[in-house]
Amino acid sequence: MATLDELQKLNFKTQQRETLLEVQLTPIHIEKLLEINTNNIPPVKTKINLYADYMINGRWMYNGDSIRVSKSGVLLDGQNRLMAAQKAKVNLVCDLIVGLEDEVFNTIDQGRTRQKGHLVARDLGSITTTDAQTLTTAVTRVIKYQESLSQLTTGGFEGKIAHKFTAPRVIEYVNQHPELLDQLEVIKKEFGVRCNLSRATLLYVYHIGSRYDASYTLKFLRKAVLAIGLTGDETLYFYHQCLNEYKAKQSNWTKAEFEHTLIKVWSKVADKGLKAITKKTQIKAKKDEEFIKFIAPTEQALIEMSNAI
């Protein structure tokens, strides 16, 4: 069995699986391991700071957790602990496993498959895990919408099936539609934390709506979600009232119902204009309206929205 220093000289790259128990990684070992930390998921700064604080104050203990490296010499697991030790300028006592198959990356974390958002962030490289999770949720909904599938996230409700997609499917869609990254930035800038709908929902609607007209869609969402420039007799005014009731927990609507209702309102406004529905009670999507489609805004609807505040 190779020693720690021998593995370091090999850049921890070996075809034979080996496990070193309770080894002491020095700053030199840690630096070398971080050099092979390529194509990993984004590190978690809060964890790094917390671990470093424990290490500096002598509260960090060896617990049998391992640093893992693939046969090709790529760090698979342990980047947060290594970065924390580097920040704290201390040695790190841990187990070290080398020679693993690259594919095990997706099953690390107590044998569970890593979240799709982590895998998407790892593949795209230029976005945070939070943004990747938003993209993943939004793209999943877009694909379901395009294929007329249920938007349910869990199965068993009224005998319906929850359709799920793998990270590669999401990544493939993002690569085919790079405008999604710019659209995500628009959603973050325009809405932030000021609304009652998730960024994923807003990105889903903005992405589909932008196929018809991006400016129209953004103004529609500003009105529907932020109540910008609404008048009391507009359809979007009543929808925004419903959102406020939901925030105050005075309504028994689910998030899914609000999303379906938002698309229903989109279609009504696109067809008949801002005053298509003039009563709040007529807005809510019904259970049998699960596959409500976005419709293209008419010329009149485009003009009306363009002239609105």
Protein backbone atom coordinates (compact mmCIF):
# COMPACT_ATOMS: atom_id res chain seq x y z
CA MET A 1 0.00 0.00 0.00
CA ALA A 2 1.30 3.44 -0.93
CA THR A 3 2.08 5.98 1.76
CA LEU A 4 0.53 9.44 1.92
CA ASP A 5 3.69 11.09 0.60
CA GLU A 6 3.97 8.53 -2.21
CA LEU A 7 0.38 9.27 -3.26
CA GLN A 8 1.13 12.98 -3.20
CA LYS A 9 4.01 12.47 -5.64
CA LEU A 10 1.52 10.69 -7.92
CA ASN A 11 -0.92 13.62 -7.56
CA PHE A 12 -3.14 11.08 -5.76
CA LYS A 13 -3.77 9.39 -9.11
CA THR A 14 -3.80 5.60 -8.93
CA GLN A 15 -5.72 2.79 -10.61
CA GLN A 16 -5.75 0.72 -7.44
CA ARG A 17 -8.27 1.58 -4.77
CA GLU A 18 -6.58 2.26 -1.44
CA THR A 19 -7.83 3.50 1.92
CA LEU A 20 -5.59 5.26 4.41
CA LEU A 21 -7.15 5.52 7.86
CA GLU A 22 -6.73 8.49 10.18
CA VAL A 23 -3.98 10.18 8.20
CA GLN A 24 -2.76 13.69 8.96
CA LEU A 25 -2.90 15.98 5.96
CA THR A 26 -0.40 18.81 6.18
CA PRO A 27 -0.86 22.17 4.40
CA ILE A 28 1.28 20.76 1.56
CA HIS A 29 -1.00 17.73 1.15
CA ILE A 30 -4.09 19.95 1.37
CA GLU A 31 -2.77 22.33 -1.28
CA LYS A 32 -2.06 19.43 -3.64
CA LEU A 33 -5.54 17.95 -3.10
CA LEU A 34 -7.17 21.31 -3.82
CA GLU A 35 -5.15 21.55 -7.04
CA ILE A 36 -7.03 18.47 -8.28
CA ASN A 37 -10.38 19.89 -7.14
CA THR A 38 -11.63 20.39 -10.70
CA ASN A 39 -15.19 20.25 -12.05
CA ASN A 40 -16.63 19.91 -8.55
CA ILE A 41 -19.88 21.37 -7.27
CA PRO A 42 -19.54 24.93 -5.88
CA PRO A 43 -18.07 25.04 -2.36
CA VAL A 44 -20.34 26.12 0.51
CA LYS A 45 -18.79 29.22 2.11
CA THR A 46 -20.89 29.00 5.27
CA LYS A 47 -19.67 25.45 5.89
CA ILE A 48 -16.07 26.42 5.20
CA ASN A 49 -16.26 29.31 7.67
CA LEU A 50 -17.96 27.14 10.31
CA TYR A 51 -15.45 24.29 9.94
CA ALA A 52 -12.52 26.73 10.00
CA ASP A 53 -13.84 28.30 13.19
CA TYR A 54 -14.05 24.86 14.83
CA MET A 55 -10.51 24.03 13.69
CA ILE A 56 -9.03 27.31 14.91
CA ASN A 57 -10.69 26.91 18.31
CA GLY A 58 -9.72 23.27 18.73
CA ARG A 59 -13.26 21.92 18.49
CA TRP A 60 -12.77 19.95 15.27
CA MET A 61 -12.59 16.19 15.86
CA TYR A 62 -11.72 13.22 13.69
CA ASN A 63 -15.01 11.43 12.93
CA GLY A 64 -14.09 8.94 10.23
CA ASP A 65 -15.16 11.11 7.30
CA SER A 66 -13.01 10.59 4.23
CA ILE A 67 -11.41 12.65 1.49
CA ARG A 68 -12.08 10.82 -1.79
CA VAL A 69 -10.16 10.92 -5.05
CA SER A 70 -10.96 9.23 -8.37
CA LYS A 71 -8.74 6.97 -10.48
CA SER A 72 -8.19 9.87 -12.85
CA GLY A 73 -6.82 11.98 -10.01
CA VAL A 74 -9.81 14.26 -9.40
CA LEU A 75 -11.06 15.23 -5.94
CA LEU A 76 -14.56 13.81 -5.52
CA ASP A 77 -15.43 14.71 -1.94
CA GLY A 78 -14.02 16.82 0.89
CA GLN A 79 -13.44 20.21 -0.70
CA ASN A 80 -15.19 22.15 2.09
CA ARG A 81 -13.13 20.45 4.81
CA LEU A 82 -9.90 20.95 2.87
CA MET A 83 -10.66 24.63 2.22
CA ALA A 84 -11.53 25.12 5.89
CA ALA A 85 -8.24 23.55 7.01
CA GLN A 86 -6.37 25.72 4.52
CA LYS A 87 -8.15 28.80 5.83
CA ALA A 88 -7.48 27.82 9.44
CA LYS A 89 -3.84 26.95 8.58
CA VAL A 90 -4.00 23.62 10.41
CA ASN A 91 -3.41 19.95 9.65
CA LEU A 92 -6.50 17.87 8.88
CA VAL A 93 -6.91 14.39 10.35
CA CYS A 94 -9.19 12.23 8.19
CA ASP A 95 -9.45 9.04 6.15
CA LEU A 96 -8.25 9.16 2.55
CA ILE A 97 -9.67 6.96 -0.22
CA VAL A 98 -8.05 6.99 -3.67
CA GLY A 99 -8.64 5.06 -6.90
CA LEU A 100 -12.43 5.41 -6.95
CA GLU A 101 -14.49 5.38 -10.14
CA ASP A 102 -15.41 8.89 -11.35
CA GLU A 103 -19.08 7.91 -11.46
CA VAL A 104 -19.33 7.61 -7.67
CA PHE A 105 -19.42 11.42 -7.45
CA ASN A 106 -23.17 11.32 -8.09
CA THR A 107 -23.81 8.99 -5.14
CA ILE A 108 -21.69 10.66 -2.47
CA ASP A 109 -23.48 11.94 0.67
CA GLN A 110 -24.52 8.85 2.64
CA GLY A 111 -25.19 6.93 -0.58
CA ARG A 112 -27.88 9.31 -1.80
CA THR A 113 -27.85 10.78 -5.27
CA ARG A 114 -26.77 14.41 -5.10
CA GLN A 115 -29.38 17.05 -5.80
CA LYS A 116 -29.86 17.85 -9.46
CA GLY A 117 -29.04 21.49 -8.74
CA HIS A 118 -25.58 20.48 -7.51
CA LEU A 119 -24.92 18.47 -10.65
CA VAL A 120 -26.18 21.28 -12.90
CA ALA A 121 -23.95 23.79 -11.07
CA ARG A 122 -21.00 21.42 -11.44
CA ASP A 123 -21.56 21.08 -15.19
CA LEU A 124 -22.26 24.73 -15.99
CA GLY A 125 -19.49 25.93 -13.70
CA SER A 126 -20.29 29.65 -13.85
CA ILE A 127 -23.33 29.77 -11.53
CA THR A 128 -24.03 29.24 -7.86
CA THR A 129 -25.77 26.17 -6.51
CA THR A 130 -28.79 28.31 -5.60
CA ASP A 131 -29.11 29.63 -9.15
CA ALA A 132 -28.60 26.12 -10.52
CA GLN A 133 -31.43 24.82 -8.34
CA THR A 134 -33.67 27.63 -9.63
CA LEU A 135 -32.73 26.74 -13.21
CA THR A 136 -33.32 23.05 -12.56
CA THR A 137 -36.81 23.59 -11.17
CA ALA A 138 -37.76 26.06 -13.91
CA VAL A 139 -36.44 23.87 -16.74
CA THR A 140 -38.20 20.82 -15.31
CA ARG A 141 -41.48 22.75 -15.45
CA VAL A 142 -40.76 23.99 -18.95
CA ILE A 143 -40.13 20.45 -20.20
CA LYS A 144 -43.27 19.16 -18.48
CA TYR A 145 -45.25 22.02 -20.03
CA GLN A 146 -43.91 21.30 -23.52
CA GLU A 147 -44.73 17.62 -23.18
CA SER A 148 -48.15 18.26 -21.58
CA LEU A 149 -47.17 16.39 -18.43
CA SER A 150 -48.47 16.94 -14.91
CA GLN A 151 -46.54 19.52 -12.89
CA LEU A 152 -46.90 17.34 -9.78
CA THR A 153 -43.63 16.88 -7.90
CA THR A 154 -44.78 13.86 -5.90
CA GLY A 155 -46.77 10.88 -7.07
CA GLY A 156 -49.94 9.29 -5.77
CA PHE A 157 -52.27 12.30 -5.85
CA GLU A 158 -55.56 11.23 -7.43
CA GLY A 159 -53.72 8.40 -9.18
CA LYS A 160 -51.45 10.76 -11.12
CA ILE A 161 -47.79 10.13 -11.86
CA ALA A 162 -45.02 12.57 -10.95
CA HIS A 163 -42.63 12.90 -13.90
CA LYS A 164 -38.99 13.55 -13.03
CA PHE A 165 -36.04 14.40 -15.23
CA THR A 166 -32.34 13.73 -14.73
CA ALA A 167 -29.67 16.40 -14.42
CA PRO A 168 -28.28 15.60 -17.92
CA ARG A 169 -31.73 16.32 -19.40
CA VAL A 170 -31.84 19.69 -17.63
CA ILE A 171 -28.26 20.52 -18.66
CA GLU A 172 -29.03 19.58 -22.27
CA TYR A 173 -32.00 21.98 -22.30
CA VAL A 174 -29.95 24.84 -20.78
CA ASN A 175 -27.21 24.30 -23.37
CA GLN A 176 -29.85 24.42 -26.12
CA HIS A 177 -31.37 27.59 -24.63
CA PRO A 178 -28.47 29.70 -23.26
CA GLU A 179 -30.83 32.69 -23.02
CA LEU A 180 -32.11 31.08 -19.81
CA LEU A 181 -29.04 32.35 -17.94
CA ASP A 182 -29.76 35.95 -19.00
CA GLN A 183 -33.43 35.49 -18.17
CA LEU A 184 -32.50 34.25 -14.70
CA GLU A 185 -30.48 37.43 -14.12
CA VAL A 186 -33.49 39.53 -15.18
CA ILE A 187 -35.74 37.71 -12.72
CA LYS A 188 -33.22 38.14 -9.89
CA LYS A 189 -32.81 41.85 -10.62
CA GLU A 190 -36.49 42.67 -11.14
CA PHE A 191 -38.10 40.60 -8.41
CA GLY A 192 -35.52 39.63 -5.82
CA VAL A 193 -37.38 38.71 -2.63
CA ARG A 194 -40.22 41.16 -3.16
CA CYS A 195 -42.79 38.70 -4.45
CA ASN A 196 -44.88 35.77 -3.28
CA LEU A 197 -43.88 33.40 -6.08
CA SER A 198 -40.61 31.52 -6.35
CA ARG A 199 -37.89 32.56 -8.77
CA ALA A 200 -38.28 29.19 -10.48
CA THR A 201 -41.96 29.88 -11.20
CA LEU A 202 -41.18 33.37 -12.50
CA LEU A 203 -38.34 32.07 -14.68
CA TYR A 204 -40.61 29.34 -16.04
CA VAL A 205 -43.27 31.89 -17.04
CA TYR A 206 -40.73 34.45 -18.29
CA HIS A 207 -38.96 31.87 -20.45
CA ILE A 208 -42.15 30.57 -22.09
CA GLY A 209 -43.65 34.05 -22.42
CA SER A 210 -40.50 35.45 -24.00
CA ARG A 211 -41.03 33.11 -26.93
CA TYR A 212 -43.89 35.43 -27.82
CA ASP A 213 -42.58 38.78 -26.58
CA ALA A 214 -40.01 39.35 -23.81
CA SER A 215 -40.99 42.97 -23.13
CA TYR A 216 -44.69 42.09 -22.90
CA THR A 217 -43.92 39.19 -20.57
CA LEU A 218 -41.76 41.23 -18.22
CA LYS A 219 -44.38 43.96 -17.96
CA PHE A 220 -47.07 41.31 -17.39
CA LEU A 221 -45.08 39.83 -14.49
CA ARG A 222 -44.30 43.24 -13.02
CA LYS A 223 -48.01 43.96 -12.89
CA ALA A 224 -49.15 40.51 -11.76
CA VAL A 225 -46.52 39.97 -9.08
CA LEU A 226 -45.41 43.44 -7.99
CA ALA A 227 -48.64 45.35 -8.75
CA ILE A 228 -46.76 47.99 -10.75
CA GLY A 229 -49.20 50.36 -12.45
CA LEU A 230 -52.33 48.33 -11.73
CA THR A 231 -55.80 49.84 -11.81
CA GLY A 232 -58.70 48.45 -9.80
CA ASP A 233 -60.61 46.94 -12.72
CA GLU A 234 -57.75 44.99 -14.32
CA THR A 235 -57.52 41.21 -14.29
CA LEU A 236 -53.98 41.43 -12.88
CA TYR A 237 -55.26 43.55 -10.00
CA PHE A 238 -57.49 40.70 -8.85
CA TYR A 239 -54.69 38.18 -9.30
CA HIS A 240 -52.40 40.31 -7.15
CA GLN A 241 -55.09 40.46 -4.47
CA CYS A 242 -55.06 36.67 -4.41
CA LEU A 243 -51.28 36.68 -4.02
CA ASN A 244 -51.55 39.02 -1.05
CA GLU A 245 -54.14 36.78 0.57
CA TYR A 246 -51.84 33.82 0.08
CA LYS A 247 -48.97 35.69 1.73
CA ALA A 248 -51.20 36.52 4.68
CA LYS A 249 -52.27 32.85 4.83
CA GLN A 250 -55.91 33.77 4.45
CA SER A 251 -56.33 31.60 1.38
CA ASN A 252 -56.32 27.83 0.99
CA TRP A 253 -54.77 27.99 -2.47
CA THR A 254 -51.66 25.90 -3.08
CA LYS A 255 -48.57 27.16 -4.89
CA ALA A 256 -49.42 24.89 -7.81
CA GLU A 257 -52.88 26.48 -8.07
CA PHE A 258 -51.31 29.93 -8.16
CA GLU A 259 -48.96 28.85 -10.94
CA HIS A 260 -51.78 27.35 -13.01
CA THR A 261 -53.87 30.43 -12.32
CA LEU A 262 -51.06 32.74 -13.44
CA ILE A 263 -50.97 30.94 -16.79
CA LYS A 264 -54.76 31.10 -17.04
CA VAL A 265 -54.61 34.85 -16.39
CA TRP A 266 -51.84 35.17 -19.01
CA SER A 267 -54.06 33.53 -21.61
CA LYS A 268 -57.08 35.66 -20.74
CA VAL A 269 -55.07 38.88 -20.92
CA ALA A 270 -53.32 37.78 -24.12
CA ASP A 271 -56.70 37.10 -25.72
CA LYS A 272 -58.99 39.76 -24.29
CA GLY A 273 -56.71 42.37 -22.73
CA LEU A 274 -56.12 43.61 -19.18
CA LYS A 275 -59.83 43.69 -18.34
CA ALA A 276 -60.59 40.15 -19.45
CA ILE A 277 -61.61 39.08 -15.92
CA THR A 278 -63.09 41.66 -13.59
CA LYS A 279 -63.90 39.53 -10.54
CA LYS A 280 -61.46 37.75 -8.27
CA THR A 281 -63.74 34.75 -7.95
CA GLN A 282 -63.46 34.05 -11.69
CA ILE A 283 -59.67 33.81 -11.70
CA LYS A 284 -58.73 30.58 -9.94
CA ALA A 285 -57.75 27.67 -12.21
CA LYS A 286 -59.87 24.57 -11.70
CA LYS A 287 -58.52 21.06 -11.19
CA ASP A 288 -59.55 20.07 -14.69
CA GLU A 289 -57.50 23.00 -16.08
CA GLU A 290 -54.18 21.34 -15.31
CA PHE A 291 -52.76 21.79 -18.80
CA ILE A 292 -53.57 25.44 -19.39
CA LYS A 293 -51.56 26.69 -22.34
CA PHE A 294 -49.90 30.04 -22.85
CA ILE A 295 -51.44 31.66 -25.89
CA ALA A 296 -49.77 34.23 -28.10
CA PRO A 297 -50.74 37.82 -27.22
CA THR A 298 -52.94 39.46 -29.82
CA GLU A 299 -51.79 42.64 -31.49
CA GLN A 300 -54.28 44.57 -29.38
CA ALA A 301 -52.98 42.94 -26.17
CA LEU A 302 -49.40 43.84 -27.11
CA ILE A 303 -50.38 47.46 -27.74
CA GLU A 304 -52.41 47.64 -24.53
CA MET A 305 -49.57 46.24 -22.42
CA SER A 306 -47.03 48.44 -24.15
CA ASN A 307 -49.05 51.56 -23.32
CA ALA A 308 -49.63 50.49 -19.70
CA ILE A 309 -47.38 51.70 -16.90
